[in-house]
Amino acid sequence: MPCPEILEQICAELKENIDSPICQDLKKHLEGCPECRAYVDSLKKTVYLYRHLPEEAVPEDVQDRLYKVLKIKS
């Protein structure tokens, strides 16, 4: 089961309450789907590592590629 914080963040992005049907469906899906759990875990680890690296240690081209993959504007 994923961290409650991650589920809350996903639901917040969906503009849903953690107890809403869509978030409960997401929680149930993640409980029964190892592929999605692995994907969420991998995203969580990537974000954690990215946030804890010194900013100057991440080359700009790597940062740009990461933002592009995550579809975030730098």
Protein backbone atom coordinates (compact mmCIF):
# COMPACT_ATOMS: atom_id res chain seq x y z
CA MET A 1 0.00 0.00 0.00
CA PRO A 2 1.43 3.42 -0.86
CA CYS A 3 2.21 6.07 1.71
CA PRO A 4 -0.90 7.96 2.78
CA GLU A 5 0.89 11.20 1.93
CA ILE A 6 1.32 10.14 -1.69
CA LEU A 7 -2.34 9.17 -1.99
CA GLU A 8 -3.31 12.51 -0.45
CA GLN A 9 -1.11 14.37 -2.94
CA ILE A 10 -2.58 12.48 -5.88
CA CYS A 11 -6.11 13.18 -4.65
CA ALA A 12 -5.23 16.82 -4.06
CA GLU A 13 -3.99 17.06 -7.66
CA LEU A 14 -7.30 15.56 -8.76
CA LYS A 15 -8.99 18.15 -6.53
CA GLU A 16 -10.65 15.33 -4.61
CA ASN A 17 -11.06 14.64 -0.90
CA ILE A 18 -9.08 11.61 0.33
CA ASP A 19 -12.40 9.95 1.23
CA SER A 20 -14.01 10.62 -2.16
CA PRO A 21 -15.02 7.65 -4.30
CA ILE A 22 -12.28 8.32 -6.89
CA CYS A 23 -9.56 8.37 -4.22
CA GLN A 24 -10.94 5.26 -2.56
CA ASP A 25 -10.98 3.53 -5.98
CA LEU A 26 -7.38 4.63 -6.54
CA LYS A 27 -6.38 3.27 -3.13
CA LYS A 28 -8.07 -0.07 -3.82
CA HIS A 29 -6.43 -0.28 -7.24
CA LEU A 30 -2.98 0.40 -5.82
CA GLU A 31 -3.51 -2.24 -3.13
CA GLY A 32 -4.15 -4.89 -5.80
CA CYS A 33 -1.84 -3.77 -8.61
CA PRO A 34 1.87 -4.40 -8.09
CA GLU A 35 2.78 -2.60 -11.34
CA CYS A 36 1.07 0.63 -10.27
CA ARG A 37 2.48 0.36 -6.75
CA ALA A 38 5.96 -0.01 -8.26
CA TYR A 39 5.34 3.00 -10.50
CA VAL A 40 4.16 5.18 -7.58
CA ASP A 41 7.09 3.97 -5.46
CA SER A 42 9.54 4.79 -8.24
CA LEU A 43 8.07 8.29 -8.62
CA LYS A 44 8.22 8.82 -4.88
CA LYS A 45 11.89 7.77 -4.75
CA THR A 46 12.77 9.93 -7.76
CA VAL A 47 11.17 13.01 -6.20
CA TYR A 48 12.85 12.30 -2.85
CA LEU A 49 16.28 11.94 -4.43
CA TYR A 50 15.80 14.98 -6.62
CA ARG A 51 14.77 17.13 -3.65
CA HIS A 52 17.73 16.00 -1.56
CA LEU A 53 20.49 16.50 -4.11
CA PRO A 54 22.34 19.78 -3.95
CA GLU A 55 20.95 21.96 -6.71
CA GLU A 56 24.34 22.50 -8.33
CA ALA A 57 24.90 18.72 -8.56
CA VAL A 58 22.13 18.32 -11.16
CA PRO A 59 23.28 19.44 -14.61
CA GLU A 60 20.81 21.72 -16.37
CA ASP A 61 20.25 19.30 -19.27
CA VAL A 62 19.37 16.51 -16.82
CA GLN A 63 17.02 18.83 -14.95
CA ASP A 64 15.36 19.87 -18.23
CA ARG A 65 14.87 16.22 -19.25
CA LEU A 66 13.38 15.38 -15.86
CA TYR A 67 10.96 18.29 -16.08
CA LYS A 68 10.01 17.22 -19.59
CA VAL A 69 9.31 13.64 -18.46
CA LEU A 70 7.29 14.90 -15.50
CA LYS A 71 5.65 17.55 -17.76
CA ILE A 72 6.66 20.39 -15.45
CA LYS A 73 7.83 23.73 -16.74
CA SER A 74 11.19 24.80 -15.36
